[in-house]
PDB file of all heavy atoms in Angstrom:
ATOM      1  N   GLU A   1       0.826  -1.204   0.000  1.00  0.00           N
ATOM      2  CA  GLU A   1       0.000   0.000   0.000  1.00  0.00           C
ATOM      3  C   GLU A   1       0.862   1.256   0.000  1.00  0.00           C
ATOM      4  O   GLU A   1       0.589   2.215  -0.713  1.00  0.00           O
ATOM      5  CB  GLU A   1      -0.941  -0.003   1.204  1.00  0.00           C
ATOM      6  CG  GLU A   1      -2.069  -1.003   1.090  1.00  0.00           C
ATOM      7  CD  GLU A   1      -2.930  -1.064   2.346  1.00  0.00           C
ATOM      8  OE1 GLU A   1      -2.750  -0.214   3.252  1.00  0.00           O
ATOM      9  OE2 GLU A   1      -3.781  -1.961   2.410  1.00  0.00           O
ATOM     10  N   SER A   2       1.928   1.219   0.787  1.00  0.00           N
ATOM     11  CA  SER A   2       2.850   2.353   0.838  1.00  0.00           C
ATOM     12  C   SER A   2       3.511   2.573  -0.518  1.00  0.00           C
ATOM     13  O   SER A   2       3.601   3.701  -1.007  1.00  0.00           O
ATOM     14  CB  SER A   2       3.903   2.109   1.911  1.00  0.00           C
ATOM     15  OG  SER A   2       4.885   3.104   1.881  1.00  0.00           O
ATOM     16  N   LEU A   3       3.982   1.471  -1.115  1.00  0.00           N
ATOM     17  CA  LEU A   3       4.611   1.580  -2.430  1.00  0.00           C
ATOM     18  C   LEU A   3       3.623   2.064  -3.486  1.00  0.00           C
ATOM     19  O   LEU A   3       3.953   2.878  -4.346  1.00  0.00           O
ATOM     20  CB  LEU A   3       5.213   0.240  -2.852  1.00  0.00           C
ATOM     21  CG  LEU A   3       6.503  -0.157  -2.165  1.00  0.00           C
ATOM     22  CD1 LEU A   3       6.914  -1.568  -2.578  1.00  0.00           C
ATOM     23  CD2 LEU A   3       7.604   0.822  -2.486  1.00  0.00           C
ATOM     24  N   SER A   4       2.392   1.547  -3.425  1.00  0.00           N
ATOM     25  CA  SER A   4       1.359   1.979  -4.374  1.00  0.00           C
ATOM     26  C   SER A   4       1.081   3.468  -4.236  1.00  0.00           C
ATOM     27  O   SER A   4       0.957   4.186  -5.226  1.00  0.00           O
ATOM     28  CB  SER A   4       0.067   1.194  -4.178  1.00  0.00           C
ATOM     29  OG  SER A   4       0.261  -0.162  -4.487  1.00  0.00           O
ATOM     30  N   ALA A   5       0.994   3.936  -2.996  1.00  0.00           N
ATOM     31  CA  ALA A   5       0.744   5.360  -2.753  1.00  0.00           C
ATOM     32  C   ALA A   5       1.907   6.203  -3.278  1.00  0.00           C
ATOM     33  O   ALA A   5       1.697   7.235  -3.922  1.00  0.00           O
ATOM     34  CB  ALA A   5       0.525   5.608  -1.267  1.00  0.00           C
ATOM     35  N   LYS A   6       3.123   5.737  -3.003  1.00  0.00           N
ATOM     36  CA  LYS A   6       4.294   6.466  -3.484  1.00  0.00           C
ATOM     37  C   LYS A   6       4.362   6.457  -5.007  1.00  0.00           C
ATOM     38  O   LYS A   6       4.675   7.455  -5.634  1.00  0.00           O
ATOM     39  CB  LYS A   6       5.573   5.874  -2.894  1.00  0.00           C
ATOM     40  CG  LYS A   6       5.746   6.184  -1.429  1.00  0.00           C
ATOM     41  CD  LYS A   6       7.006   5.558  -0.876  1.00  0.00           C
ATOM     42  CE  LYS A   6       7.123   5.839   0.610  1.00  0.00           C
ATOM     43  NZ  LYS A   6       8.346   5.260   1.176  1.00  0.00           N
ATOM     44  N   PHE A   7       4.032   5.324  -5.605  1.00  0.00           N
ATOM     45  CA  PHE A   7       4.032   5.223  -7.063  1.00  0.00           C
ATOM     46  C   PHE A   7       3.000   6.172  -7.662  1.00  0.00           C
ATOM     47  O   PHE A   7       3.271   6.855  -8.643  1.00  0.00           O
ATOM     48  CB  PHE A   7       3.769   3.782  -7.506  1.00  0.00           C
ATOM     49  CG  PHE A   7       3.743   3.632  -8.991  1.00  0.00           C
ATOM     50  CD1 PHE A   7       4.916   3.632  -9.714  1.00  0.00           C
ATOM     51  CD2 PHE A   7       2.529   3.519  -9.663  1.00  0.00           C
ATOM     52  CE1 PHE A   7       4.897   3.514 -11.099  1.00  0.00           C
ATOM     53  CE2 PHE A   7       2.504   3.396 -11.040  1.00  0.00           C
ATOM     54  CZ  PHE A   7       3.693   3.388 -11.759  1.00  0.00           C
ATOM     55  N   ARG A   8       1.791   6.207  -7.075  1.00  0.00           N
ATOM     56  CA  ARG A   8       0.753   7.117  -7.574  1.00  0.00           C
ATOM     57  C   ARG A   8       1.200   8.571  -7.447  1.00  0.00           C
ATOM     58  O   ARG A   8       0.995   9.379  -8.343  1.00  0.00           O
ATOM     59  CB  ARG A   8      -0.557   6.889  -6.821  1.00  0.00           C
ATOM     60  CG  ARG A   8      -1.351   5.698  -7.323  1.00  0.00           C
ATOM     61  CD  ARG A   8      -2.763   5.670  -6.751  1.00  0.00           C
ATOM     62  NE  ARG A   8      -2.792   5.626  -5.278  1.00  0.00           N
ATOM     63  CZ  ARG A   8      -2.705   4.517  -4.556  1.00  0.00           C
ATOM     64  NH1 ARG A   8      -2.595   3.345  -5.155  1.00  0.00           N
ATOM     65  NH2 ARG A   8      -2.739   4.576  -3.234  1.00  0.00           N
ATOM     66  N   ALA A   9       1.839   8.901  -6.330  1.00  0.00           N
ATOM     67  CA  ALA A   9       2.318  10.267  -6.124  1.00  0.00           C
ATOM     68  C   ALA A   9       3.383  10.627  -7.160  1.00  0.00           C
ATOM     69  O   ALA A   9       3.349  11.715  -7.742  1.00  0.00           O
ATOM     70  CB  ALA A   9       2.871  10.429  -4.705  1.00  0.00           C
ATOM     71  N   ILE A  10       4.301   9.700  -7.386  1.00  0.00           N
ATOM     72  CA  ILE A  10       5.349   9.939  -8.388  1.00  0.00           C
ATOM     73  C   ILE A  10       4.743  10.020  -9.781  1.00  0.00           C
ATOM     74  O   ILE A  10       5.118  10.869 -10.590  1.00  0.00           O
ATOM     75  CB  ILE A  10       6.430   8.842  -8.304  1.00  0.00           C
ATOM     76  CG1 ILE A  10       7.233   8.996  -7.014  1.00  0.00           C
ATOM     77  CG2 ILE A  10       7.352   8.890  -9.512  1.00  0.00           C
ATOM     78  CD1 ILE A  10       8.186   7.862  -6.745  1.00  0.00           C
ATOM     79  N   SER A  11       3.786   9.150 -10.060  1.00  0.00           N
ATOM     80  CA  SER A  11       3.114   9.166 -11.356  1.00  0.00           C
ATOM     81  C   SER A  11       2.371  10.481 -11.579  1.00  0.00           C
ATOM     82  O   SER A  11       2.446  11.073 -12.656  1.00  0.00           O
ATOM     83  CB  SER A  11       2.151   7.984 -11.451  1.00  0.00           C
ATOM     84  OG  SER A  11       1.473   7.986 -12.676  1.00  0.00           O
ATOM     85  N   ASP A  12       1.662  10.942 -10.560  1.00  0.00           N
ATOM     86  CA  ASP A  12       0.952  12.224 -10.658  1.00  0.00           C
ATOM     87  C   ASP A  12       1.929  13.378 -10.868  1.00  0.00           C
ATOM     88  O   ASP A  12       1.687  14.271 -11.682  1.00  0.00           O
ATOM     89  CB  ASP A  12       0.107  12.475  -9.403  1.00  0.00           C
ATOM     90  CG  ASP A  12      -1.076  11.525  -9.298  1.00  0.00           C
ATOM     91  OD1 ASP A  12      -1.438  10.895 -10.323  1.00  0.00           O
ATOM     92  OD2 ASP A  12      -1.646  11.410  -8.187  1.00  0.00           O
ATOM     93  N   LEU A  13       3.024  13.328 -10.136  1.00  0.00           N
ATOM     94  CA  LEU A  13       4.038  14.363 -10.274  1.00  0.00           C
ATOM     95  C   LEU A  13       4.640  14.344 -11.676  1.00  0.00           C
ATOM     96  O   LEU A  13       4.848  15.397 -12.285  1.00  0.00           O
ATOM     97  CB  LEU A  13       5.125  14.161  -9.213  1.00  0.00           C
ATOM     98  CG  LEU A  13       6.169  15.255  -9.070  1.00  0.00           C
ATOM     99  CD1 LEU A  13       5.513  16.575  -8.691  1.00  0.00           C
ATOM    100  CD2 LEU A  13       7.189  14.866  -8.015  1.00  0.00           C
ATOM    101  N   CYS A  14       4.880  13.151 -12.182  1.00  0.00           N
ATOM    102  CA  CYS A  14       5.420  13.001 -13.535  1.00  0.00           C
ATOM    103  C   CYS A  14       4.443  13.579 -14.566  1.00  0.00           C
ATOM    104  O   CYS A  14       4.848  14.307 -15.479  1.00  0.00           O
ATOM    105  CB  CYS A  14       5.710  11.537 -13.822  1.00  0.00           C
ATOM    106  SG  CYS A  14       6.456  11.239 -15.432  1.00  0.00           S
ATOM    107  N   LYS A  15       3.146  13.285 -14.416  1.00  0.00           N
ATOM    108  CA  LYS A  15       2.132  13.821 -15.338  1.00  0.00           C
ATOM    109  C   LYS A  15       2.085  15.341 -15.255  1.00  0.00           C
ATOM    110  O   LYS A  15       1.970  16.018 -16.277  1.00  0.00           O
ATOM    111  CB  LYS A  15       0.764  13.225 -15.021  1.00  0.00           C
ATOM    112  CG  LYS A  15       0.625  11.781 -15.431  1.00  0.00           C
ATOM    113  CD  LYS A  15      -0.722  11.203 -15.035  1.00  0.00           C
ATOM    114  CE  LYS A  15      -0.775   9.711 -15.332  1.00  0.00           C
ATOM    115  NZ  LYS A  15      -2.008   9.086 -14.857  1.00  0.00           N
ATOM    116  N   THR A  16       2.197  15.862 -14.049  1.00  0.00           N
ATOM    117  CA  THR A  16       2.202  17.315 -13.878  1.00  0.00           C
ATOM    118  C   THR A  16       3.387  17.934 -14.600  1.00  0.00           C
ATOM    119  O   THR A  16       3.252  18.935 -15.311  1.00  0.00           O
ATOM    120  CB  THR A  16       2.253  17.679 -12.379  1.00  0.00           C
ATOM    121  OG1 THR A  16       1.124  17.093 -11.722  1.00  0.00           O
ATOM    122  CG2 THR A  16       2.251  19.168 -12.164  1.00  0.00           C
ATOM    123  N   PHE A  17       4.564  17.327 -14.433  1.00  0.00           N
ATOM    124  CA  PHE A  17       5.757  17.832 -15.108  1.00  0.00           C
ATOM    125  C   PHE A  17       5.642  17.703 -16.616  1.00  0.00           C
ATOM    126  O   PHE A  17       6.088  18.579 -17.360  1.00  0.00           O
ATOM    127  CB  PHE A  17       7.015  17.129 -14.598  1.00  0.00           C
ATOM    128  CG  PHE A  17       7.454  17.576 -13.232  1.00  0.00           C
ATOM    129  CD1 PHE A  17       7.945  16.664 -12.326  1.00  0.00           C
ATOM    130  CD2 PHE A  17       7.380  18.899 -12.852  1.00  0.00           C
ATOM    131  CE1 PHE A  17       8.362  17.066 -11.070  1.00  0.00           C
ATOM    132  CE2 PHE A  17       7.790  19.320 -11.606  1.00  0.00           C
ATOM    133  CZ  PHE A  17       8.281  18.403 -10.704  1.00  0.00           C
ATOM    134  N   GLU A  18       5.064  16.605 -17.092  1.00  0.00           N
ATOM    135  CA  GLU A  18       4.883  16.433 -18.538  1.00  0.00           C
ATOM    136  C   GLU A  18       3.946  17.503 -19.087  1.00  0.00           C
ATOM    137  O   GLU A  18       4.209  18.070 -20.155  1.00  0.00           O
ATOM    138  CB  GLU A  18       4.324  15.041 -18.840  1.00  0.00           C
ATOM    139  CG  GLU A  18       5.341  13.929 -18.698  1.00  0.00           C
ATOM    140  CD  GLU A  18       4.737  12.543 -18.857  1.00  0.00           C
ATOM    141  OE1 GLU A  18       3.500  12.416 -18.891  1.00  0.00           O
ATOM    142  OE2 GLU A  18       5.517  11.577 -18.941  1.00  0.00           O
ATOM    143  N   ASN A  19       2.858  17.792 -18.366  1.00  0.00           N
ATOM    144  CA  ASN A  19       1.936  18.840 -18.807  1.00  0.00           C
ATOM    145  C   ASN A  19       2.613  20.206 -18.814  1.00  0.00           C
ATOM    146  O   ASN A  19       2.461  20.986 -19.763  1.00  0.00           O
ATOM    147  CB  ASN A  19       0.690  18.877 -17.914  1.00  0.00           C
ATOM    148  CG  ASN A  19      -0.183  17.653 -18.096  1.00  0.00           C
ATOM    149  OD1 ASN A  19      -0.131  16.986 -19.119  1.00  0.00           O
ATOM    150  ND2 ASN A  19      -0.983  17.338 -17.091  1.00  0.00           N
ATOM    151  N   GLU A  20       3.367  20.481 -17.761  1.00  0.00           N
ATOM    152  CA  GLU A  20       4.074  21.760 -17.684  1.00  0.00           C
ATOM    153  C   GLU A  20       5.126  21.856 -18.783  1.00  0.00           C
ATOM    154  O   GLU A  20       5.278  22.903 -19.415  1.00  0.00           O
ATOM    155  CB  GLU A  20       4.737  21.910 -16.311  1.00  0.00           C
ATOM    156  CG  GLU A  20       5.410  23.249 -16.113  1.00  0.00           C
ATOM    157  CD  GLU A  20       6.035  23.392 -14.739  1.00  0.00           C
ATOM    158  OE1 GLU A  20       5.848  22.508 -13.884  1.00  0.00           O
ATOM    159  OE2 GLU A  20       6.720  24.409 -14.528  1.00  0.00           O
ATOM    160  N   ASN A  21       5.817  20.754 -19.037  1.00  0.00           N
ATOM    161  CA  ASN A  21       6.821  20.726 -20.094  1.00  0.00           C
ATOM    162  C   ASN A  21       6.172  20.994 -21.455  1.00  0.00           C
ATOM    163  O   ASN A  21       6.700  21.754 -22.264  1.00  0.00           O
ATOM    164  CB  ASN A  21       7.547  19.381 -20.093  1.00  0.00           C
ATOM    165  CG  ASN A  21       8.749  19.367 -20.998  1.00  0.00           C
ATOM    166  OD1 ASN A  21       9.325  20.398 -21.292  1.00  0.00           O
ATOM    167  ND2 ASN A  21       9.128  18.186 -21.450  1.00  0.00           N
ATOM    168  N   GLY A  22       5.012  20.370 -21.699  1.00  0.00           N
ATOM    169  CA  GLY A  22       4.300  20.596 -22.954  1.00  0.00           C
ATOM    170  C   GLY A  22       3.879  22.048 -23.107  1.00  0.00           C
ATOM    171  O   GLY A  22       4.016  22.644 -24.185  1.00  0.00           O
ATOM    172  N   ALA A  23       3.374  22.632 -22.017  1.00  0.00           N
ATOM    173  CA  ALA A  23       2.967  24.040 -22.063  1.00  0.00           C
ATOM    174  C   ALA A  23       4.165  24.945 -22.318  1.00  0.00           C
ATOM    175  O   ALA A  23       4.083  25.901 -23.106  1.00  0.00           O
ATOM    176  CB  ALA A  23       2.282  24.426 -20.747  1.00  0.00           C
ATOM    177  N   LEU A  24       5.290  24.632 -21.690  1.00  0.00           N
ATOM    178  CA  LEU A  24       6.498  25.435 -21.897  1.00  0.00           C
ATOM    179  C   LEU A  24       7.017  25.301 -23.339  1.00  0.00           C
ATOM    180  O   LEU A  24       7.479  26.274 -23.924  1.00  0.00           O
ATOM    181  CB  LEU A  24       7.582  25.036 -20.895  1.00  0.00           C
ATOM    182  CG  LEU A  24       7.318  25.448 -19.452  1.00  0.00           C
ATOM    183  CD1 LEU A  24       8.369  24.839 -18.529  1.00  0.00           C
ATOM    184  CD2 LEU A  24       7.287  26.957 -19.310  1.00  0.00           C
ATOM    185  N   LYS A  25       6.919  24.098 -23.893  1.00  0.00           N
ATOM    186  CA  LYS A  25       7.337  23.909 -25.285  1.00  0.00           C
ATOM    187  C   LYS A  25       6.437  24.706 -26.228  1.00  0.00           C
ATOM    188  O   LYS A  25       6.925  25.309 -27.187  1.00  0.00           O
ATOM    189  CB  LYS A  25       7.310  22.426 -25.657  1.00  0.00           C
ATOM    190  CG  LYS A  25       8.476  21.647 -25.096  1.00  0.00           C
ATOM    191  CD  LYS A  25       8.419  20.186 -25.501  1.00  0.00           C
ATOM    192  CE  LYS A  25       9.592  19.413 -24.928  1.00  0.00           C
ATOM    193  NZ  LYS A  25       9.559  17.997 -25.301  1.00  0.00           N
ATOM    194  N   ASP A  26       5.131  24.708 -25.944  1.00  0.00           N
ATOM    195  CA  ASP A  26       4.201  25.498 -26.756  1.00  0.00           C
ATOM    196  C   ASP A  26       4.539  26.986 -26.673  1.00  0.00           C
ATOM    197  O   ASP A  26       4.536  27.689 -27.691  1.00  0.00           O
ATOM    198  CB  ASP A  26       2.760  25.264 -26.309  1.00  0.00           C
ATOM    199  CG  ASP A  26       2.264  23.865 -26.642  1.00  0.00           C
ATOM    200  OD1 ASP A  26       2.891  23.185 -27.486  1.00  0.00           O
ATOM    201  OD2 ASP A  26       1.239  23.444 -26.044  1.00  0.00           O
ATOM    202  N   ARG A  27       4.819  27.451 -25.461  1.00  0.00           N
ATOM    203  CA  ARG A  27       5.196  28.867 -25.297  1.00  0.00           C
ATOM    204  C   ARG A  27       6.482  29.182 -26.031  1.00  0.00           C
ATOM    205  O   ARG A  27       6.625  30.254 -26.631  1.00  0.00           O
ATOM    206  CB  ARG A  27       5.351  29.198 -23.815  1.00  0.00           C
ATOM    207  CG  ARG A  27       4.021  29.369 -23.100  1.00  0.00           C
ATOM    208  CD  ARG A  27       4.186  29.700 -21.634  1.00  0.00           C
ATOM    209  NE  ARG A  27       4.936  30.913 -21.441  1.00  0.00           N
ATOM    210  CZ  ARG A  27       5.471  31.285 -20.279  1.00  0.00           C
ATOM    211  NH1 ARG A  27       5.326  30.506 -19.212  1.00  0.00           N
ATOM    212  NH2 ARG A  27       6.140  32.397 -20.175  1.00  0.00           N
ATOM    213  N   LEU A  28       7.430  28.249 -25.996  1.00  0.00           N
ATOM    214  CA  LEU A  28       8.699  28.453 -26.685  1.00  0.00           C
ATOM    215  C   LEU A  28       8.485  28.572 -28.191  1.00  0.00           C
ATOM    216  O   LEU A  28       9.038  29.466 -28.839  1.00  0.00           O
ATOM    217  CB  LEU A  28       9.667  27.307 -26.373  1.00  0.00           C
ATOM    218  CG  LEU A  28      11.030  27.368 -27.060  1.00  0.00           C
ATOM    219  CD1 LEU A  28      11.801  28.600 -26.609  1.00  0.00           C
ATOM    220  CD2 LEU A  28      11.818  26.107 -26.771  1.00  0.00           C
ATOM    221  N   VAL A  29       7.671  27.692 -28.751  1.00  0.00           N
ATOM    222  CA  VAL A  29       7.377  27.745 -30.188  1.00  0.00           C
ATOM    223  C   VAL A  29       6.712  29.071 -30.535  1.00  0.00           C
ATOM    224  O   VAL A  29       7.058  29.719 -31.527  1.00  0.00           O
ATOM    225  CB  VAL A  29       6.491  26.545 -30.606  1.00  0.00           C
ATOM    226  CG1 VAL A  29       5.917  26.739 -31.988  1.00  0.00           C
ATOM    227  CG2 VAL A  29       7.285  25.254 -30.532  1.00  0.00           C
ATOM    228  N   GLN A  30       5.765  29.489 -29.688  1.00  0.00           N
ATOM    229  CA  GLN A  30       5.071  30.753 -29.920  1.00  0.00           C
ATOM    230  C   GLN A  30       6.051  31.922 -29.874  1.00  0.00           C
ATOM    231  O   GLN A  30       6.013  32.809 -30.731  1.00  0.00           O
ATOM    232  CB  GLN A  30       3.980  30.942 -28.866  1.00  0.00           C
ATOM    233  CG  GLN A  30       3.157  32.186 -29.057  1.00  0.00           C
ATOM    234  CD  GLN A  30       2.109  32.342 -27.957  1.00  0.00           C
ATOM    235  OE1 GLN A  30       2.112  31.614 -26.968  1.00  0.00           O
ATOM    236  NE2 GLN A  30       1.225  33.295 -28.136  1.00  0.00           N
ATOM    237  N   ARG A  31       6.938  31.928 -28.909  1.00  0.00           N
ATOM    238  CA  ARG A  31       7.931  33.011 -28.793  1.00  0.00           C
ATOM    239  C   ARG A  31       8.888  33.005 -29.976  1.00  0.00           C
ATOM    240  O   ARG A  31       9.291  34.064 -30.466  1.00  0.00           O
ATOM    241  CB  ARG A  31       8.715  32.899 -27.484  1.00  0.00           C
ATOM    242  CG  ARG A  31       7.908  33.091 -26.230  1.00  0.00           C
ATOM    243  CD  ARG A  31       7.324  34.490 -26.134  1.00  0.00           C
ATOM    244  NE  ARG A  31       6.681  34.708 -24.867  1.00  0.00           N
ATOM    245  CZ  ARG A  31       5.377  34.733 -24.677  1.00  0.00           C
ATOM    246  NH1 ARG A  31       4.567  34.555 -25.694  1.00  0.00           N
ATOM    247  NH2 ARG A  31       4.868  34.944 -23.489  1.00  0.00           N
ATOM    248  N   GLU A  32       9.272  31.819 -30.438  1.00  0.00           N
ATOM    249  CA  GLU A  32      10.158  31.744 -31.600  1.00  0.00           C
ATOM    250  C   GLU A  32       9.469  32.300 -32.844  1.00  0.00           C
ATOM    251  O   GLU A  32      10.096  33.000 -33.643  1.00  0.00           O
ATOM    252  CB  GLU A  32      10.614  30.302 -31.834  1.00  0.00           C
ATOM    253  CG  GLU A  32      11.638  29.826 -30.820  1.00  0.00           C
ATOM    254  CD  GLU A  32      11.980  28.352 -30.956  1.00  0.00           C
ATOM    255  OE1 GLU A  32      11.266  27.620 -31.668  1.00  0.00           O
ATOM    256  OE2 GLU A  32      12.971  27.934 -30.330  1.00  0.00           O
ATOM    257  N   GLN A  33       8.179  32.006 -33.006  1.00  0.00           N
ATOM    258  CA  GLN A  33       7.436  32.547 -34.141  1.00  0.00           C
ATOM    259  C   GLN A  33       7.325  34.063 -34.034  1.00  0.00           C
ATOM    260  O   GLN A  33       7.489  34.774 -35.034  1.00  0.00           O
ATOM    261  CB  GLN A  33       6.042  31.916 -34.209  1.00  0.00           C
ATOM    262  CG  GLN A  33       6.065  30.459 -34.625  1.00  0.00           C
ATOM    263  CD  GLN A  33       4.696  29.794 -34.497  1.00  0.00           C
ATOM    264  OE1 GLN A  33       3.784  30.333 -33.897  1.00  0.00           O
ATOM    265  NE2 GLN A  33       4.576  28.607 -35.071  1.00  0.00           N
ATOM    266  N   GLU A  34       7.050  34.561 -32.839  1.00  0.00           N
ATOM    267  CA  GLU A  34       6.995  36.004 -32.633  1.00  0.00           C
ATOM    268  C   GLU A  34       8.339  36.648 -32.938  1.00  0.00           C
ATOM    269  O   GLU A  34       8.406  37.703 -33.565  1.00  0.00           O
ATOM    270  CB  GLU A  34       6.578  36.330 -31.199  1.00  0.00           C
ATOM    271  CG  GLU A  34       5.148  36.022 -30.876  1.00  0.00           C
ATOM    272  CD  GLU A  34       4.818  36.213 -29.400  1.00  0.00           C
ATOM    273  OE1 GLU A  34       5.697  36.661 -28.626  1.00  0.00           O
ATOM    274  OE2 GLU A  34       3.677  35.909 -29.019  1.00  0.00           O
ATOM    275  N   MET A  35       9.421  35.994 -32.500  1.00  0.00           N
ATOM    276  CA  MET A  35      10.748  36.520 -32.737  1.00  0.00           C
ATOM    277  C   MET A  35      11.063  36.561 -34.232  1.00  0.00           C
ATOM    278  O   MET A  35      11.636  37.536 -34.736  1.00  0.00           O
ATOM    279  CB  MET A  35      11.797  35.684 -31.995  1.00  0.00           C
ATOM    280  CG  MET A  35      13.180  36.305 -32.036  1.00  0.00           C
ATOM    281  SD  MET A  35      14.388  35.421 -31.038  1.00  0.00           S
ATOM    282  CE  MET A  35      14.644  33.963 -32.008  1.00  0.00           C
ATOM    283  N   GLN A  36      10.682  35.519 -34.968  1.00  0.00           N
ATOM    284  CA  GLN A  36      10.908  35.500 -36.410  1.00  0.00           C
ATOM    285  C   GLN A  36      10.126  36.616 -37.096  1.00  0.00           C
ATOM    286  O   GLN A  36      10.650  37.287 -37.994  1.00  0.00           O
ATOM    287  CB  GLN A  36      10.524  34.144 -37.000  1.00  0.00           C
ATOM    288  CG  GLN A  36      11.491  33.036 -36.658  1.00  0.00           C
ATOM    289  CD  GLN A  36      11.014  31.671 -37.148  1.00  0.00           C
ATOM    290  OE1 GLN A  36       9.888  31.522 -37.600  1.00  0.00           O
ATOM    291  NE2 GLN A  36      11.878  30.680 -37.047  1.00  0.00           N
ATOM    292  N   ALA A  37       8.877  36.818 -36.687  1.00  0.00           N
ATOM    293  CA  ALA A  37       8.057  37.880 -37.277  1.00  0.00           C
ATOM    294  C   ALA A  37       8.670  39.248 -36.978  1.00  0.00           C
ATOM    295  O   ALA A  37       8.733  40.116 -37.861  1.00  0.00           O
ATOM    296  CB  ALA A  37       6.630  37.802 -36.742  1.00  0.00           C
ATOM    297  N   LEU A  38       9.129  39.434 -35.732  1.00  0.00           N
ATOM    298  CA  LEU A  38       9.759  40.710 -35.371  1.00  0.00           C
ATOM    299  C   LEU A  38      11.067  40.924 -36.119  1.00  0.00           C
ATOM    300  O   LEU A  38      11.376  42.039 -36.536  1.00  0.00           O
ATOM    301  CB  LEU A  38       9.980  40.782 -33.858  1.00  0.00           C
ATOM    302  CG  LEU A  38       8.723  40.942 -33.013  1.00  0.00           C
ATOM    303  CD1 LEU A  38       9.056  40.807 -31.529  1.00  0.00           C
ATOM    304  CD2 LEU A  38       8.051  42.275 -33.291  1.00  0.00           C
ATOM    305  N   GLN A  39      11.836  39.851 -36.305  1.00  0.00           N
ATOM    306  CA  GLN A  39      13.092  39.964 -37.045  1.00  0.00           C
ATOM    307  C   GLN A  39      12.819  40.339 -38.494  1.00  0.00           C
ATOM    308  O   GLN A  39      13.517  41.174 -39.072  1.00  0.00           O
ATOM    309  CB  GLN A  39      13.887  38.645 -36.975  1.00  0.00           C
ATOM    310  CG  GLN A  39      15.236  38.697 -37.657  1.00  0.00           C
ATOM    311  CD  GLN A  39      16.196  39.671 -36.999  1.00  0.00           C
ATOM    312  OE1 GLN A  39      16.287  39.731 -35.781  1.00  0.00           O
ATOM    313  NE2 GLN A  39      16.912  40.437 -37.797  1.00  0.00           N
TER     314      GLN A  39
END
């Protein structure tokens, strides 16, 4: 039960980081496009 709880917590944390990483990648692409347009 302890391991399952820890695994779920790590899994949730991993999903959170993956979502944040995806959002940051989207922002990066958007900023690069803005930078190209400004250039």
